[in-house]
């Protein structure tokens, strides 16, 4: 019984550590978006565009690594980034399809 309890405790601990790592990785992407917003506000559009592009790449990696992690937030941020990138690069806005709408 003690072994079973130990295994359960270890499993819970590992799940908590994994969830924390996912949240920290998302926060890093979110900070990139915030930096891009700050650069865009200060009329530094090239820096903003580069930060948005980096955030988009990192968020797409994040989405592939953790496909079950809050899809609504990830899709919202991907669409937000697509709009900002389109605005700064002069391209037409093309929203990213949600994971639920992909066949």
PDB file of N, CA and C in Angstrom:
ATOM      1  N   UNK A   1       0.817  -1.200   0.000  1.00  0.00           N
ATOM      2  CA  UNK A   1       0.000   0.000   0.000  1.00  0.00           C
ATOM      3  C   UNK A   1       0.856   1.257   0.000  1.00  0.00           C
ATOM      4  N   UNK A   2       1.977   1.205   0.743  1.00  0.00           N
ATOM      5  CA  UNK A   2       2.865   2.354   0.793  1.00  0.00           C
ATOM      6  C   UNK A   2       3.490   2.660  -0.562  1.00  0.00           C
ATOM      7  N   UNK A   3       3.825   1.606  -1.324  1.00  0.00           N
ATOM      8  CA  UNK A   3       4.375   1.806  -2.662  1.00  0.00           C
ATOM      9  C   UNK A   3       3.359   2.476  -3.576  1.00  0.00           C
ATOM     10  N   UNK A   4       2.133   2.024  -3.499  1.00  0.00           N
ATOM     11  CA  UNK A   4       1.081   2.609  -4.323  1.00  0.00           C
ATOM     12  C   UNK A   4       0.898   4.082  -3.990  1.00  0.00           C
ATOM     13  N   UNK A   5       0.852   4.406  -2.730  1.00  0.00           N
ATOM     14  CA  UNK A   5       0.701   5.793  -2.296  1.00  0.00           C
ATOM     15  C   UNK A   5       1.884   6.642  -2.757  1.00  0.00           C
ATOM     16  N   UNK A   6       3.075   6.081  -2.679  1.00  0.00           N
ATOM     17  CA  UNK A   6       4.272   6.783  -3.139  1.00  0.00           C
ATOM     18  C   UNK A   6       4.195   7.050  -4.644  1.00  0.00           C
ATOM     19  N   UNK A   7       3.774   6.053  -5.406  1.00  0.00           N
ATOM     20  CA  UNK A   7       3.644   6.222  -6.855  1.00  0.00           C
ATOM     21  C   UNK A   7       2.600   7.282  -7.205  1.00  0.00           C
ATOM     22  N   UNK A   8       1.502   7.287  -6.481  1.00  0.00           N
ATOM     23  CA  UNK A   8       0.464   8.293  -6.712  1.00  0.00           C
ATOM     24  C   UNK A   8       1.012   9.693  -6.412  1.00  0.00           C
ATOM     25  N   UNK A   9       1.716   9.828  -5.326  1.00  0.00           N
ATOM     26  CA  UNK A   9       2.294  11.127  -4.957  1.00  0.00           C
ATOM     27  C   UNK A   9       3.304  11.593  -5.995  1.00  0.00           C
ATOM     28  N   UNK A  10       4.134  10.693  -6.483  1.00  0.00           N
ATOM     29  CA  UNK A  10       5.118  11.041  -7.513  1.00  0.00           C
ATOM     30  C   UNK A  10       4.408  11.455  -8.800  1.00  0.00           C
ATOM     31  N   UNK A  11       3.376  10.734  -9.173  1.00  0.00           N
ATOM     32  CA  UNK A  11       2.626  11.074 -10.384  1.00  0.00           C
ATOM     33  C   UNK A  11       1.980  12.454 -10.271  1.00  0.00           C
ATOM     34  N   UNK A  12       1.402  12.747  -9.138  1.00  0.00           N
ATOM     35  CA  UNK A  12       0.782  14.062  -8.922  1.00  0.00           C
ATOM     36  C   UNK A  12       1.839  15.160  -8.977  1.00  0.00           C
ATOM     37  N   UNK A  13       2.982  14.913  -8.369  1.00  0.00           N
ATOM     38  CA  UNK A  13       4.070  15.886  -8.392  1.00  0.00           C
ATOM     39  C   UNK A  13       4.543  16.149  -9.813  1.00  0.00           C
ATOM     40  N   UNK A  14       4.727  15.097 -10.599  1.00  0.00           N
ATOM     41  CA  UNK A  14       5.187  15.252 -11.980  1.00  0.00           C
ATOM     42  C   UNK A  14       4.167  16.001 -12.830  1.00  0.00           C
ATOM     43  N   UNK A  15       2.892  15.751 -12.607  1.00  0.00           N
ATOM     44  CA  UNK A  15       1.852  16.472 -13.347  1.00  0.00           C
ATOM     45  C   UNK A  15       1.873  17.956 -12.979  1.00  0.00           C
ATOM     46  N   UNK A  16       2.076  18.258 -11.724  1.00  0.00           N
ATOM     47  CA  UNK A  16       2.129  19.652 -11.280  1.00  0.00           C
ATOM     48  C   UNK A  16       3.334  20.365 -11.873  1.00  0.00           C
ATOM     49  N   UNK A  17       4.469  19.688 -11.920  1.00  0.00           N
ATOM     50  CA  UNK A  17       5.677  20.272 -12.498  1.00  0.00           C
ATOM     51  C   UNK A  17       5.474  20.519 -13.986  1.00  0.00           C
ATOM     52  N   UNK A  18       4.858  19.584 -14.677  1.00  0.00           N
ATOM     53  CA  UNK A  18       4.598  19.729 -16.107  1.00  0.00           C
ATOM     54  C   UNK A  18       3.647  20.899 -16.379  1.00  0.00           C
ATOM     55  N   UNK A  19       2.603  21.018 -15.592  1.00  0.00           N
ATOM     56  CA  UNK A  19       1.651  22.120 -15.767  1.00  0.00           C
ATOM     57  C   UNK A  19       2.334  23.453 -15.530  1.00  0.00           C
ATOM     58  N   UNK A  20       3.179  23.512 -14.542  1.00  0.00           N
ATOM     59  CA  UNK A  20       3.917  24.747 -14.233  1.00  0.00           C
ATOM     60  C   UNK A  20       4.834  25.121 -15.396  1.00  0.00           C
ATOM     61  N   UNK A  21       5.515  24.142 -15.985  1.00  0.00           N
ATOM     62  CA  UNK A  21       6.410  24.392 -17.110  1.00  0.00           C
ATOM     63  C   UNK A  21       5.623  24.918 -18.311  1.00  0.00           C
ATOM     64  N   UNK A  22       4.436  24.364 -18.550  1.00  0.00           N
ATOM     65  CA  UNK A  22       3.604  24.834 -19.652  1.00  0.00           C
ATOM     66  C   UNK A  22       3.199  26.285 -19.438  1.00  0.00           C
ATOM     67  N   UNK A  23       2.776  26.602 -18.232  1.00  0.00           N
ATOM     68  CA  UNK A  23       2.364  27.969 -17.928  1.00  0.00           C
ATOM     69  C   UNK A  23       3.532  28.936 -18.073  1.00  0.00           C
ATOM     70  N   UNK A  24       4.704  28.552 -17.623  1.00  0.00           N
ATOM     71  CA  UNK A  24       5.877  29.412 -17.739  1.00  0.00           C
ATOM     72  C   UNK A  24       6.237  29.648 -19.198  1.00  0.00           C
ATOM     73  N   UNK A  25       6.133  28.628 -20.016  1.00  0.00           N
ATOM     74  CA  UNK A  25       6.441  28.772 -21.437  1.00  0.00           C
ATOM     75  C   UNK A  25       5.430  29.702 -22.100  1.00  0.00           C
ATOM     76  N   UNK A  26       4.148  29.571 -21.741  1.00  0.00           N
ATOM     77  CA  UNK A  26       3.139  30.463 -22.302  1.00  0.00           C
ATOM     78  C   UNK A  26       3.394  31.910 -21.870  1.00  0.00           C
ATOM     79  N   UNK A  27       3.789  32.108 -20.624  1.00  0.00           N
ATOM     80  CA  UNK A  27       4.059  33.455 -20.125  1.00  0.00           C
ATOM     81  C   UNK A  27       5.213  34.094 -20.905  1.00  0.00           C
ATOM     82  N   UNK A  28       6.211  33.309 -21.268  1.00  0.00           N
ATOM     83  CA  UNK A  28       7.302  33.841 -22.084  1.00  0.00           C
ATOM     84  C   UNK A  28       6.784  34.344 -23.430  1.00  0.00           C
ATOM     85  N   UNK A  29       5.894  33.590 -24.043  1.00  0.00           N
ATOM     86  CA  UNK A  29       5.296  34.015 -25.316  1.00  0.00           C
ATOM     87  C   UNK A  29       4.455  35.270 -25.102  1.00  0.00           C
ATOM     88  N   UNK A  30       3.678  35.285 -24.034  1.00  0.00           N
ATOM     89  CA  UNK A  30       2.840  36.440 -23.734  1.00  0.00           C
ATOM     90  C   UNK A  30       3.693  37.688 -23.516  1.00  0.00           C
ATOM     91  N   UNK A  31       4.834  37.535 -22.853  1.00  0.00           N
ATOM     92  CA  UNK A  31       5.733  38.669 -22.655  1.00  0.00           C
ATOM     93  C   UNK A  31       6.289  39.192 -23.973  1.00  0.00           C
ATOM     94  N   UNK A  32       6.562  38.301 -24.915  1.00  0.00           N
ATOM     95  CA  UNK A  32       6.988  38.735 -26.245  1.00  0.00           C
ATOM     96  C   UNK A  32       5.899  39.576 -26.919  1.00  0.00           C
ATOM     97  N   UNK A  33       4.661  39.139 -26.766  1.00  0.00           N
ATOM     98  CA  UNK A  33       3.536  39.891 -27.343  1.00  0.00           C
ATOM     99  C   UNK A  33       3.455  41.270 -26.694  1.00  0.00           C
ATOM    100  N   UNK A  34       3.598  41.322 -25.379  1.00  0.00           N
ATOM    101  CA  UNK A  34       3.566  42.602 -24.669  1.00  0.00           C
ATOM    102  C   UNK A  34       4.711  43.506 -25.116  1.00  0.00           C
ATOM    103  N   UNK A  35       5.893  42.945 -25.320  1.00  0.00           N
ATOM    104  CA  UNK A  35       7.026  43.728 -25.818  1.00  0.00           C
ATOM    105  C   UNK A  35       6.737  44.269 -27.218  1.00  0.00           C
ATOM    106  N   UNK A  36       6.114  43.433 -28.042  1.00  0.00           N
ATOM    107  CA  UNK A  36       5.730  43.880 -29.380  1.00  0.00           C
ATOM    108  C   UNK A  36       4.727  45.014 -29.322  1.00  0.00           C
ATOM    109  N   UNK A  37       3.755  44.899 -28.429  1.00  0.00           N
ATOM    110  CA  UNK A  37       2.768  45.968 -28.260  1.00  0.00           C
ATOM    111  C   UNK A  37       3.435  47.268 -27.814  1.00  0.00           C
ATOM    112  N   UNK A  38       4.382  47.160 -26.890  1.00  0.00           N
ATOM    113  CA  UNK A  38       5.087  48.351 -26.406  1.00  0.00           C
ATOM    114  C   UNK A  38       5.899  48.991 -27.524  1.00  0.00           C
ATOM    115  N   UNK A  39       6.546  48.167 -28.342  1.00  0.00           N
ATOM    116  CA  UNK A  39       7.318  48.700 -29.464  1.00  0.00           C
ATOM    117  C   UNK A  39       6.406  49.350 -30.496  1.00  0.00           C
ATOM    118  N   UNK A  40       5.256  48.746 -30.739  1.00  0.00           N
ATOM    119  CA  UNK A  40       4.311  49.311 -31.706  1.00  0.00           C
ATOM    120  C   UNK A  40       3.778  50.652 -31.215  1.00  0.00           C
ATOM    121  N   UNK A  41       3.548  50.765 -29.922  1.00  0.00           N
ATOM    122  CA  UNK A  41       3.047  52.005 -29.336  1.00  0.00           C
ATOM    123  C   UNK A  41       4.092  53.117 -29.426  1.00  0.00           C
ATOM    124  N   UNK A  42       5.376  52.745 -29.336  1.00  0.00           N
ATOM    125  CA  UNK A  42       6.435  53.756 -29.388  1.00  0.00           C
ATOM    126  C   UNK A  42       6.931  53.982 -30.814  1.00  0.00           C
ATOM    127  N   UNK A  43       6.124  53.635 -31.798  1.00  0.00           N
ATOM    128  CA  UNK A  43       6.435  53.847 -33.219  1.00  0.00           C
ATOM    129  C   UNK A  43       7.702  53.149 -33.686  1.00  0.00           C
ATOM    130  N   UNK A  44       8.019  52.031 -33.100  1.00  0.00           N
ATOM    131  CA  UNK A  44       9.146  51.226 -33.533  1.00  0.00           C
ATOM    132  C   UNK A  44       8.584  49.975 -34.195  1.00  0.00           C
ATOM    133  N   UNK A  45       8.014  50.158 -35.383  1.00  0.00           N
ATOM    134  CA  UNK A  45       7.254  49.083 -36.014  1.00  0.00           C
ATOM    135  C   UNK A  45       8.107  47.892 -36.437  1.00  0.00           C
ATOM    136  N   UNK A  46       9.352  48.113 -36.823  1.00  0.00           N
ATOM    137  CA  UNK A  46      10.190  46.984 -37.221  1.00  0.00           C
ATOM    138  C   UNK A  46      10.488  46.073 -36.025  1.00  0.00           C
ATOM    139  N   UNK A  47      10.795  46.685 -34.882  1.00  0.00           N
ATOM    140  CA  UNK A  47      11.029  45.897 -33.675  1.00  0.00           C
ATOM    141  C   UNK A  47       9.757  45.165 -33.265  1.00  0.00           C
ATOM    142  N   UNK A  48       8.630  45.869 -33.338  1.00  0.00           N
ATOM    143  CA  UNK A  48       7.348  45.250 -32.994  1.00  0.00           C
ATOM    144  C   UNK A  48       7.064  44.062 -33.903  1.00  0.00           C
ATOM    145  N   UNK A  49       7.258  44.244 -35.196  1.00  0.00           N
ATOM    146  CA  UNK A  49       7.009  43.158 -36.148  1.00  0.00           C
ATOM    147  C   UNK A  49       7.883  41.952 -35.832  1.00  0.00           C
ATOM    148  N   UNK A  50       9.156  42.189 -35.548  1.00  0.00           N
ATOM    149  CA  UNK A  50      10.057  41.074 -35.226  1.00  0.00           C
ATOM    150  C   UNK A  50       9.619  40.350 -33.958  1.00  0.00           C
ATOM    151  N   UNK A  51       9.173  41.089 -32.957  1.00  0.00           N
ATOM    152  CA  UNK A  51       8.714  40.458 -31.716  1.00  0.00           C
ATOM    153  C   UNK A  51       7.430  39.664 -31.948  1.00  0.00           C
ATOM    154  N   UNK A  52       6.524  40.218 -32.748  1.00  0.00           N
ATOM    155  CA  UNK A  52       5.282  39.503 -33.063  1.00  0.00           C
ATOM    156  C   UNK A  52       5.580  38.223 -33.845  1.00  0.00           C
ATOM    157  N   UNK A  53       6.495  38.300 -34.795  1.00  0.00           N
ATOM    158  CA  UNK A  53       6.835  37.107 -35.579  1.00  0.00           C
ATOM    159  C   UNK A  53       7.472  36.034 -34.691  1.00  0.00           C
ATOM    160  N   UNK A  54       8.350  36.457 -33.791  1.00  0.00           N
ATOM    161  CA  UNK A  54       8.972  35.503 -32.867  1.00  0.00           C
ATOM    162  C   UNK A  54       7.922  34.892 -31.942  1.00  0.00           C
ATOM    163  N   UNK A  55       7.021  35.732 -31.437  1.00  0.00           N
ATOM    164  CA  UNK A  55       5.960  35.227 -30.553  1.00  0.00           C
ATOM    165  C   UNK A  55       5.068  34.239 -31.299  1.00  0.00           C
ATOM    166  N   UNK A  56       4.759  34.544 -32.552  1.00  0.00           N
ATOM    167  CA  UNK A  56       3.921  33.648 -33.350  1.00  0.00           C
ATOM    168  C   UNK A  56       4.600  32.289 -33.527  1.00  0.00           C
ATOM    169  N   UNK A  57       5.879  32.307 -33.851  1.00  0.00           N
ATOM    170  CA  UNK A  57       6.627  31.057 -34.027  1.00  0.00           C
ATOM    171  C   UNK A  57       6.652  30.253 -32.730  1.00  0.00           C
ATOM    172  N   UNK A  58       6.945  30.932 -31.624  1.00  0.00           N
ATOM    173  CA  UNK A  58       7.007  30.248 -30.334  1.00  0.00           C
ATOM    174  C   UNK A  58       5.641  29.713 -29.909  1.00  0.00           C
ATOM    175  N   UNK A  59       4.589  30.479 -30.189  1.00  0.00           N
ATOM    176  CA  UNK A  59       3.246  30.031 -29.825  1.00  0.00           C
ATOM    177  C   UNK A  59       2.805  28.848 -30.674  1.00  0.00           C
ATOM    178  N   UNK A  60       3.200  28.820 -31.931  1.00  0.00           N
ATOM    179  CA  UNK A  60       2.886  27.670 -32.778  1.00  0.00           C
ATOM    180  C   UNK A  60       3.624  26.422 -32.293  1.00  0.00           C
ATOM    181  N   UNK A  61       4.878  26.586 -31.853  1.00  0.00           N
ATOM    182  CA  UNK A  61       5.613  25.459 -31.265  1.00  0.00           C
ATOM    183  C   UNK A  61       4.916  24.982 -29.995  1.00  0.00           C
ATOM    184  N   UNK A  62       4.517  25.955 -29.169  1.00  0.00           N
ATOM    185  CA  UNK A  62       3.827  25.642 -27.927  1.00  0.00           C
ATOM    186  C   UNK A  62       2.553  24.856 -28.206  1.00  0.00           C
ATOM    187  N   UNK A  63       1.794  25.288 -29.217  1.00  0.00           N
ATOM    188  CA  UNK A  63       0.542  24.628 -29.575  1.00  0.00           C
ATOM    189  C   UNK A  63       0.782  23.187 -30.019  1.00  0.00           C
ATOM    190  N   UNK A  64       1.880  22.952 -30.728  1.00  0.00           N
ATOM    191  CA  UNK A  64       2.195  21.588 -31.165  1.00  0.00           C
ATOM    192  C   UNK A  64       2.650  20.713 -29.990  1.00  0.00           C
ATOM    193  N   UNK A  65       3.409  21.315 -29.083  1.00  0.00           N
ATOM    194  CA  UNK A  65       3.899  20.546 -27.929  1.00  0.00           C
ATOM    195  C   UNK A  65       2.791  20.230 -26.937  1.00  0.00           C
ATOM    196  N   UNK A  66       1.857  21.175 -26.767  1.00  0.00           N
ATOM    197  CA  UNK A  66       0.788  21.019 -25.785  1.00  0.00           C
ATOM    198  C   UNK A  66      -0.567  21.275 -26.458  1.00  0.00           C
ATOM    199  N   UNK A  67      -1.016  20.384 -27.315  1.00  0.00           N
ATOM    200  CA  UNK A  67      -2.250  20.631 -28.069  1.00  0.00           C
ATOM    201  C   UNK A  67      -3.503  20.724 -27.189  1.00  0.00           C
ATOM    202  N   UNK A  68      -3.448  20.201 -25.988  1.00  0.00           N
ATOM    203  CA  UNK A  68      -4.615  20.240 -25.107  1.00  0.00           C
ATOM    204  C   UNK A  68      -4.607  21.432 -24.158  1.00  0.00           C
ATOM    205  N   UNK A  69      -3.576  22.287 -24.251  1.00  0.00           N
ATOM    206  CA  UNK A  69      -3.473  23.420 -23.333  1.00  0.00           C
ATOM    207  C   UNK A  69      -4.340  24.578 -23.825  1.00  0.00           C
ATOM    208  N   UNK A  70      -5.425  24.842 -23.183  1.00  0.00           N
ATOM    209  CA  UNK A  70      -6.329  25.966 -23.394  1.00  0.00           C
ATOM    210  C   UNK A  70      -6.343  26.491 -24.839  1.00  0.00           C
ATOM    211  N   UNK A  71      -6.938  25.720 -25.719  1.00  0.00           N
ATOM    212  CA  UNK A  71      -6.987  26.047 -27.142  1.00  0.00           C
ATOM    213  C   UNK A  71      -7.617  27.390 -27.451  1.00  0.00           C
ATOM    214  N   UNK A  72      -8.591  27.804 -26.649  1.00  0.00           N
ATOM    215  CA  UNK A  72      -9.237  29.105 -26.898  1.00  0.00           C
ATOM    216  C   UNK A  72      -8.250  30.252 -26.731  1.00  0.00           C
ATOM    217  N   UNK A  73      -7.446  30.201 -25.706  1.00  0.00           N
ATOM    218  CA  UNK A  73      -6.458  31.266 -25.477  1.00  0.00           C
ATOM    219  C   UNK A  73      -5.390  31.237 -26.559  1.00  0.00           C
ATOM    220  N   UNK A  74      -4.888  30.061 -26.882  1.00  0.00           N
ATOM    221  CA  UNK A  74      -3.845  29.953 -27.892  1.00  0.00           C
ATOM    222  C   UNK A  74      -4.352  30.462 -29.237  1.00  0.00           C
ATOM    223  N   UNK A  75      -5.560  30.059 -29.632  1.00  0.00           N
ATOM    224  CA  UNK A  75      -6.111  30.524 -30.905  1.00  0.00           C
ATOM    225  C   UNK A  75      -6.373  32.026 -30.896  1.00  0.00           C
ATOM    226  N   UNK A  76      -6.841  32.552 -29.762  1.00  0.00           N
ATOM    227  CA  UNK A  76      -7.051  33.994 -29.655  1.00  0.00           C
ATOM    228  C   UNK A  76      -5.736  34.731 -29.864  1.00  0.00           C
ATOM    229  N   UNK A  77      -4.677  34.278 -29.212  1.00  0.00           N
ATOM    230  CA  UNK A  77      -3.368  34.931 -29.348  1.00  0.00           C
ATOM    231  C   UNK A  77      -2.799  34.766 -30.749  1.00  0.00           C
ATOM    232  N   UNK A  78      -2.988  33.605 -31.365  1.00  0.00           N
ATOM    233  CA  UNK A  78      -2.514  33.423 -32.741  1.00  0.00           C
ATOM    234  C   UNK A  78      -3.234  34.366 -33.697  1.00  0.00           C
ATOM    235  N   UNK A  79      -4.534  34.532 -33.526  1.00  0.00           N
ATOM    236  CA  UNK A  79      -5.283  35.460 -34.371  1.00  0.00           C
ATOM    237  C   UNK A  79      -4.859  36.905 -34.110  1.00  0.00           C
ATOM    238  N   UNK A  80      -4.624  37.241 -32.846  1.00  0.00           N
ATOM    239  CA  UNK A  80      -4.155  38.572 -32.480  1.00  0.00           C
ATOM    240  C   UNK A  80      -2.810  38.854 -33.162  1.00  0.00           C
ATOM    241  N   UNK A  81      -1.910  37.884 -33.077  1.00  0.00           N
ATOM    242  CA  UNK A  81      -0.598  38.054 -33.707  1.00  0.00           C
ATOM    243  C   UNK A  81      -0.703  38.166 -35.221  1.00  0.00           C
ATOM    244  N   UNK A  82      -1.557  37.358 -35.826  1.00  0.00           N
ATOM    245  CA  UNK A  82      -1.745  37.434 -37.279  1.00  0.00           C
ATOM    246  C   UNK A  82      -2.232  38.818 -37.693  1.00  0.00           C
ATOM    247  N   UNK A  83      -3.147  39.392 -36.917  1.00  0.00           N
ATOM    248  CA  UNK A  83      -3.659  40.728 -37.222  1.00  0.00           C
ATOM    249  C   UNK A  83      -2.567  41.780 -37.063  1.00  0.00           C
ATOM    250  N   UNK A  84      -1.787  41.706 -36.000  1.00  0.00           N
ATOM    251  CA  UNK A  84      -0.710  42.670 -35.772  1.00  0.00           C
ATOM    252  C   UNK A  84       0.367  42.559 -36.843  1.00  0.00           C
ATOM    253  N   UNK A  85       0.719  41.332 -37.205  1.00  0.00           N
ATOM    254  CA  UNK A  85       1.730  41.113 -38.242  1.00  0.00           C
ATOM    255  C   UNK A  85       1.229  41.645 -39.576  1.00  0.00           C
ATOM    256  N   UNK A  86      -0.028  41.364 -39.886  1.00  0.00           N
ATOM    257  CA  UNK A  86      -0.604  41.859 -41.131  1.00  0.00           C
ATOM    258  C   UNK A  86      -0.639  43.389 -41.155  1.00  0.00           C
ATOM    259  N   UNK A  87      -1.000  43.974 -40.042  1.00  0.00           N
ATOM    260  CA  UNK A  87      -1.068  45.437 -39.940  1.00  0.00           C
ATOM    261  C   UNK A  87       0.309  46.073 -40.158  1.00  0.00           C
ATOM    262  N   UNK A  88       1.316  45.501 -39.551  1.00  0.00           N
ATOM    263  CA  UNK A  88       2.657  46.074 -39.649  1.00  0.00           C
ATOM    264  C   UNK A  88       3.359  45.756 -40.961  1.00  0.00           C
ATOM    265  N   UNK A  89       2.994  44.666 -41.580  1.00  0.00           N
ATOM    266  CA  UNK A  89       3.650  44.295 -42.832  1.00  0.00           C
ATOM    267  C   UNK A  89       2.828  44.673 -44.055  1.00  0.00           C
ATOM    268  N   UNK A  90       1.630  45.212 -43.839  1.00  0.00           N
ATOM    269  CA  UNK A  90       0.802  45.662 -44.950  1.00  0.00           C
ATOM    270  C   UNK A  90       0.063  44.563 -45.681  1.00  0.00           C
ATOM    271  N   UNK A  91       0.034  43.372 -45.100  1.00  0.00           N
ATOM    272  CA  UNK A  91      -0.687  42.263 -45.728  1.00  0.00           C
ATOM    273  C   UNK A  91      -2.108  42.199 -45.221  1.00  0.00           C
ATOM    274  N   UNK A  92      -2.928  41.497 -45.968  1.00  0.00           N
ATOM    275  CA  UNK A  92      -4.310  41.288 -45.554  1.00  0.00           C
ATOM    276  C   UNK A  92      -4.350  40.339 -44.361  1.00  0.00           C
ATOM    277  N   UNK A  93      -5.234  40.626 -43.422  1.00  0.00           N
ATOM    278  CA  UNK A  93      -5.368  39.799 -42.211  1.00  0.00           C
ATOM    279  C   UNK A  93      -5.998  38.456 -42.551  1.00  0.00           C
ATOM    280  N   UNK A  94      -5.290  37.378 -42.211  1.00  0.00           N
ATOM    281  CA  UNK A  94      -5.824  36.033 -42.400  1.00  0.00           C
ATOM    282  C   UNK A  94      -5.811  35.324 -41.062  1.00  0.00           C
ATOM    283  N   UNK A  95      -6.976  35.158 -40.416  1.00  0.00           N
ATOM    284  CA  UNK A  95      -7.012  34.522 -39.103  1.00  0.00           C
ATOM    285  C   UNK A  95      -6.564  33.059 -39.171  1.00  0.00           C
ATOM    286  N   UNK A  96      -6.001  32.616 -38.082  1.00  0.00           N
ATOM    287  CA  UNK A  96      -5.557  31.228 -37.964  1.00  0.00           C
ATOM    288  C   UNK A  96      -6.756  30.366 -37.634  1.00  0.00           C
ATOM    289  N   UNK A  97      -6.962  29.259 -38.370  1.00  0.00           N
ATOM    290  CA  UNK A  97      -8.101  28.391 -38.044  1.00  0.00           C
ATOM    291  C   UNK A  97      -7.908  27.745 -36.685  1.00  0.00           C
ATOM    292  N   UNK A  98      -9.008  27.568 -35.987  1.00  0.00           N
ATOM    293  CA  UNK A  98      -8.919  26.939 -34.672  1.00  0.00           C
ATOM    294  C   UNK A  98      -8.663  25.451 -34.841  1.00  0.00           C
ATOM    295  N   UNK A  99      -8.137  24.851 -33.797  1.00  0.00           N
ATOM    296  CA  UNK A  99      -7.849  23.421 -33.831  1.00  0.00           C
ATOM    297  C   UNK A  99      -9.124  22.608 -34.000  1.00  0.00           C
ATOM    298  N   UNK A 100     -10.258  23.142 -33.516  1.00  0.00           N
ATOM    299  CA  UNK A 100     -11.526  22.421 -33.628  1.00  0.00           C
ATOM    300  C   UNK A 100     -12.078  22.448 -35.035  1.00  0.00           C
ATOM    301  N   UNK A 101     -11.718  23.468 -35.829  1.00  0.00           N
ATOM    302  CA  UNK A 101     -12.296  23.576 -37.160  1.00  0.00           C
ATOM    303  C   UNK A 101     -11.474  22.836 -38.215  1.00  0.00           C
ATOM    304  N   UNK A 102     -10.297  22.328 -37.835  1.00  0.00           N
ATOM    305  CA  UNK A 102      -9.467  21.589 -38.766  1.00  0.00           C
ATOM    306  C   UNK A 102      -9.973  20.163 -38.858  1.00  0.00           C
ATOM    307  N   UNK A 103     -10.156  19.693 -40.070  1.00  0.00           N
ATOM    308  CA  UNK A 103     -10.705  18.337 -40.263  1.00  0.00           C
ATOM    309  C   UNK A 103      -9.685  17.273 -40.032  1.00  0.00           C
TER     310      UNK A 103
END
